[in-house]
Amino acid sequence: MFLPGGLLLPFVLGGLGMSIEDYFDRVFLWQLVATAVVVLGGVALAGRVGRSLEEAAYADARKAVGRVDEVVETDPGGGDFSPSYDLVISAVIAGPLTIRRRVAWGATSALAPTWVGRHVRFRYNTRDPEDLNDILFLGFADEKDDGRR
């Protein structure tokens, strides 16, 4: 019983594989192509307009110059990944009010831990002192302004 079943198994699996391949060729190929086009188109569009949308959200925002108080190394979730960094910024605005903001810098530079004390330009919408996410990072104050404000 095992011998005929064992000899028949390659034919059954081969026929099943050919049926699945034929089914995918006829029915799902256009769906796979359409899905790939939609996903890749969405990624390309988000990459193209993402920064513009962020700048539009801060079009009427106030400008400030602050100082990097702390560079926080965030754990990316495993030992195989590079660490990412967040810059904690404080700025004195309108008299004695000090606001704090946080910029997710990413893992693009190993120099990020040495940036404590550097001055940065940014925009903010609210005067809430602890609204850490209300920030549009414009650049470091000691770097050339590229005019994209």
C-alpha atoms as a PDB file:
ATOM      1  CA  MET A   1       0.000   0.000   0.000  1.00  0.00           C
ATOM      2  CA  PHE A   2       2.843   2.402   0.799  1.00  0.00           C
ATOM      3  CA  LEU A   3       4.694   1.562  -2.402  1.00  0.00           C
ATOM      4  CA  PRO A   4       1.865   2.426  -4.814  1.00  0.00           C
ATOM      5  CA  GLY A   5       0.960   5.463  -2.683  1.00  0.00           C
ATOM      6  CA  GLY A   6       4.597   6.573  -2.682  1.00  0.00           C
ATOM      7  CA  LEU A   7       4.836   6.134  -6.441  1.00  0.00           C
ATOM      8  CA  LEU A   8       1.572   7.990  -6.959  1.00  0.00           C
ATOM      9  CA  LEU A   9       2.467  10.922  -4.683  1.00  0.00           C
ATOM     10  CA  PRO A  10       4.741  12.746  -7.202  1.00  0.00           C
ATOM     11  CA  PHE A  11       2.013  12.560  -9.830  1.00  0.00           C
ATOM     12  CA  VAL A  12      -0.617  13.898  -7.423  1.00  0.00           C
ATOM     13  CA  LEU A  13       1.636  16.721  -6.234  1.00  0.00           C
ATOM     14  CA  GLY A  14       2.691  17.520  -9.795  1.00  0.00           C
ATOM     15  CA  GLY A  15      -0.928  17.675 -10.960  1.00  0.00           C
ATOM     16  CA  LEU A  16      -1.884  19.807  -7.976  1.00  0.00           C
ATOM     17  CA  GLY A  17       1.060  22.134  -8.639  1.00  0.00           C
ATOM     18  CA  MET A  18       0.114  22.487 -12.311  1.00  0.00           C
ATOM     19  CA  SER A  19      -3.510  23.226 -11.345  1.00  0.00           C
ATOM     20  CA  ILE A  20      -2.426  25.921  -8.894  1.00  0.00           C
ATOM     21  CA  GLU A  21      -0.044  27.410 -11.440  1.00  0.00           C
ATOM     22  CA  ASP A  22      -2.767  27.445 -14.098  1.00  0.00           C
ATOM     23  CA  TYR A  23      -5.212  29.000 -11.634  1.00  0.00           C
ATOM     24  CA  PHE A  24      -2.755  31.750 -10.681  1.00  0.00           C
ATOM     25  CA  ASP A  25      -1.901  32.434 -14.316  1.00  0.00           C
ATOM     26  CA  ARG A  26      -5.503  33.022 -15.295  1.00  0.00           C
ATOM     27  CA  VAL A  27      -7.195  34.502 -12.255  1.00  0.00           C
ATOM     28  CA  PHE A  28      -4.699  36.142  -9.961  1.00  0.00           C
ATOM     29  CA  LEU A  29      -2.030  37.536 -12.243  1.00  0.00           C
ATOM     30  CA  TRP A  30      -3.953  40.724 -13.018  1.00  0.00           C
ATOM     31  CA  GLN A  31      -4.799  41.108  -9.324  1.00  0.00           C
ATOM     32  CA  LEU A  32      -1.166  40.746  -8.312  1.00  0.00           C
ATOM     33  CA  VAL A  33      -0.084  43.301 -10.927  1.00  0.00           C
ATOM     34  CA  ALA A  34      -2.851  45.729  -9.908  1.00  0.00           C
ATOM     35  CA  THR A  35      -1.932  45.403  -6.230  1.00  0.00           C
ATOM     36  CA  ALA A  36       1.745  46.002  -6.956  1.00  0.00           C
ATOM     37  CA  VAL A  37       0.920  49.095  -9.034  1.00  0.00           C
ATOM     38  CA  VAL A  38      -1.348  50.539  -6.319  1.00  0.00           C
ATOM     39  CA  VAL A  39       1.131  49.897  -3.496  1.00  0.00           C
ATOM     40  CA  LEU A  40       4.174  51.183  -5.371  1.00  0.00           C
ATOM     41  CA  GLY A  41       2.209  54.179  -6.651  1.00  0.00           C
ATOM     42  CA  GLY A  42       1.121  55.043  -3.116  1.00  0.00           C
ATOM     43  CA  VAL A  43       4.659  54.774  -1.788  1.00  0.00           C
ATOM     44  CA  ALA A  44       5.991  56.968  -4.599  1.00  0.00           C
ATOM     45  CA  LEU A  45       3.253  59.551  -4.050  1.00  0.00           C
ATOM     46  CA  ALA A  46       3.791  59.630  -0.280  1.00  0.00           C
ATOM     47  CA  GLY A  47       7.522  60.075  -0.787  1.00  0.00           C
ATOM     48  CA  ARG A  48       6.967  62.875  -3.265  1.00  0.00           C
ATOM     49  CA  VAL A  49       4.441  64.960  -1.324  1.00  0.00           C
ATOM     50  CA  GLY A  50       5.192  64.014   2.300  1.00  0.00           C
ATOM     51  CA  ARG A  51       7.553  66.897   3.059  1.00  0.00           C
ATOM     52  CA  SER A  52       5.324  69.389   1.208  1.00  0.00           C
ATOM     53  CA  LEU A  53       2.310  68.397   3.293  1.00  0.00           C
ATOM     54  CA  GLU A  54       4.329  68.742   6.471  1.00  0.00           C
ATOM     55  CA  GLU A  55       5.529  72.210   5.438  1.00  0.00           C
ATOM     56  CA  ALA A  56       1.954  73.226   4.591  1.00  0.00           C
ATOM     57  CA  ALA A  57       0.819  72.220   8.081  1.00  0.00           C
ATOM     58  CA  TYR A  58       3.369  74.672   9.505  1.00  0.00           C
ATOM     59  CA  ALA A  59       2.890  77.466   6.944  1.00  0.00           C
ATOM     60  CA  ASP A  60       1.483  79.919   9.519  1.00  0.00           C
ATOM     61  CA  ALA A  61       3.578  78.600  12.391  1.00  0.00           C
ATOM     62  CA  ARG A  62       5.975  80.612  14.520  1.00  0.00           C
ATOM     63  CA  LYS A  63       9.722  80.274  14.040  1.00  0.00           C
ATOM     64  CA  ALA A  64      12.131  79.689  16.876  1.00  0.00           C
ATOM     65  CA  VAL A  65      15.739  78.851  17.529  1.00  0.00           C
ATOM     66  CA  GLY A  66      16.352  76.305  20.239  1.00  0.00           C
ATOM     67  CA  ARG A  67      19.127  74.281  21.704  1.00  0.00           C
ATOM     68  CA  VAL A  68      19.591  70.509  21.663  1.00  0.00           C
ATOM     69  CA  ASP A  69      19.397  69.530  25.336  1.00  0.00           C
ATOM     70  CA  GLU A  70      19.560  65.790  24.977  1.00  0.00           C
ATOM     71  CA  VAL A  71      20.077  63.091  22.361  1.00  0.00           C
ATOM     72  CA  VAL A  72      18.044  60.009  23.207  1.00  0.00           C
ATOM     73  CA  GLU A  73      19.085  56.703  21.693  1.00  0.00           C
ATOM     74  CA  THR A  74      16.007  54.637  20.960  1.00  0.00           C
ATOM     75  CA  ASP A  75      16.110  50.869  20.739  1.00  0.00           C
ATOM     76  CA  PRO A  76      15.095  49.737  17.255  1.00  0.00           C
ATOM     77  CA  GLY A  77      13.986  46.364  18.589  1.00  0.00           C
ATOM     78  CA  GLY A  78      16.991  44.146  18.137  1.00  0.00           C
ATOM     79  CA  GLY A  79      20.727  43.847  18.189  1.00  0.00           C
ATOM     80  CA  ASP A  80      21.035  43.620  14.411  1.00  0.00           C
ATOM     81  CA  PHE A  81      19.724  47.126  13.742  1.00  0.00           C
ATOM     82  CA  SER A  82      21.454  50.477  14.042  1.00  0.00           C
ATOM     83  CA  PRO A  83      20.246  52.661  16.889  1.00  0.00           C
ATOM     84  CA  SER A  84      18.055  55.610  16.045  1.00  0.00           C
ATOM     85  CA  TYR A  85      18.189  58.972  17.765  1.00  0.00           C
ATOM     86  CA  ASP A  86      15.703  61.575  18.962  1.00  0.00           C
ATOM     87  CA  LEU A  87      16.803  65.150  19.604  1.00  0.00           C
ATOM     88  CA  VAL A  88      15.157  66.877  22.581  1.00  0.00           C
ATOM     89  CA  ILE A  89      15.110  70.630  21.954  1.00  0.00           C
ATOM     90  CA  SER A  90      14.204  73.534  24.220  1.00  0.00           C
ATOM     91  CA  ALA A  91      13.637  77.158  23.237  1.00  0.00           C
ATOM     92  CA  VAL A  92      12.760  80.283  25.193  1.00  0.00           C
ATOM     93  CA  ILE A  93       9.866  82.145  23.570  1.00  0.00           C
ATOM     94  CA  ALA A  94       7.783  85.191  24.546  1.00  0.00           C
ATOM     95  CA  GLY A  95       9.452  86.062  27.780  1.00  0.00           C
ATOM     96  CA  PRO A  96       9.891  83.362  30.378  1.00  0.00           C
ATOM     97  CA  LEU A  97       8.021  80.609  28.503  1.00  0.00           C
ATOM     98  CA  THR A  98      10.238  77.666  27.545  1.00  0.00           C
ATOM     99  CA  ILE A  99       8.949  75.076  25.100  1.00  0.00           C
ATOM    100  CA  ARG A 100      10.330  71.606  24.575  1.00  0.00           C
ATOM    101  CA  ARG A 101      10.145  69.666  21.337  1.00  0.00           C
ATOM    102  CA  ARG A 102      11.398  66.287  20.124  1.00  0.00           C
ATOM    103  CA  VAL A 103      12.719  65.488  16.645  1.00  0.00           C
ATOM    104  CA  ALA A 104      12.932  61.878  15.504  1.00  0.00           C
ATOM    105  CA  TRP A 105      16.315  61.994  13.811  1.00  0.00           C
ATOM    106  CA  GLY A 106      16.674  58.373  12.754  1.00  0.00           C
ATOM    107  CA  ALA A 107      19.781  56.264  12.370  1.00  0.00           C
ATOM    108  CA  THR A 108      21.452  58.326   9.687  1.00  0.00           C
ATOM    109  CA  SER A 109      24.371  59.654  11.674  1.00  0.00           C
ATOM    110  CA  ALA A 110      26.687  58.307  14.310  1.00  0.00           C
ATOM    111  CA  LEU A 111      27.511  61.935  15.193  1.00  0.00           C
ATOM    112  CA  ALA A 112      24.048  62.555  16.680  1.00  0.00           C
ATOM    113  CA  PRO A 113      25.194  61.965  20.296  1.00  0.00           C
ATOM    114  CA  THR A 114      27.676  64.837  19.924  1.00  0.00           C
ATOM    115  CA  TRP A 115      24.996  67.352  18.943  1.00  0.00           C
ATOM    116  CA  VAL A 116      24.064  68.391  22.497  1.00  0.00           C
ATOM    117  CA  GLY A 117      24.399  72.162  22.693  1.00  0.00           C
ATOM    118  CA  ARG A 118      23.927  72.852  18.973  1.00  0.00           C
ATOM    119  CA  HIS A 119      21.297  75.393  18.022  1.00  0.00           C
ATOM    120  CA  VAL A 120      18.469  74.429  15.686  1.00  0.00           C
ATOM    121  CA  ARG A 121      15.837  76.320  13.726  1.00  0.00           C
ATOM    122  CA  PHE A 122      12.270  75.030  13.829  1.00  0.00           C
ATOM    123  CA  ARG A 123       8.617  75.980  13.491  1.00  0.00           C
ATOM    124  CA  TYR A 124       5.853  75.274  15.997  1.00  0.00           C
ATOM    125  CA  ASN A 125       2.093  75.822  16.074  1.00  0.00           C
ATOM    126  CA  THR A 126       1.196  75.677  19.771  1.00  0.00           C
ATOM    127  CA  ARG A 127       2.673  77.399  22.787  1.00  0.00           C
ATOM    128  CA  ASP A 128       2.160  74.296  24.905  1.00  0.00           C
ATOM    129  CA  PRO A 129       5.491  73.816  26.703  1.00  0.00           C
ATOM    130  CA  GLU A 130       5.364  70.005  26.602  1.00  0.00           C
ATOM    131  CA  ASP A 131       3.838  69.322  23.160  1.00  0.00           C
ATOM    132  CA  LEU A 132       6.895  67.377  22.046  1.00  0.00           C
ATOM    133  CA  ASN A 133       5.540  66.473  18.589  1.00  0.00           C
ATOM    134  CA  ASP A 134       4.607  69.991  17.448  1.00  0.00           C
ATOM    135  CA  ILE A 135       7.728  70.705  15.434  1.00  0.00           C
ATOM    136  CA  LEU A 136       8.934  71.170  11.883  1.00  0.00           C
ATOM    137  CA  PHE A 137      12.708  70.861  11.933  1.00  0.00           C
ATOM    138  CA  LEU A 138      14.268  73.458   9.632  1.00  0.00           C
ATOM    139  CA  GLY A 139      17.934  72.738  10.212  1.00  0.00           C
ATOM    140  CA  PHE A 140      20.865  73.594  12.398  1.00  0.00           C
ATOM    141  CA  ALA A 141      21.406  77.305  13.005  1.00  0.00           C
ATOM    142  CA  ASP A 142      25.089  77.104  12.084  1.00  0.00           C
ATOM    143  CA  GLU A 143      24.349  75.551   8.676  1.00  0.00           C
ATOM    144  CA  LYS A 144      23.480  77.446   5.520  1.00  0.00           C
ATOM    145  CA  ASP A 145      19.791  78.252   5.106  1.00  0.00           C
ATOM    146  CA  ASP A 146      18.656  76.693   1.820  1.00  0.00           C
ATOM    147  CA  GLY A 147      15.569  78.905   1.524  1.00  0.00           C
ATOM    148  CA  ARG A 148      12.990  76.110   1.786  1.00  0.00           C
ATOM    149  CA  ARG A 149      10.863  77.701   4.480  1.00  0.00           C
END
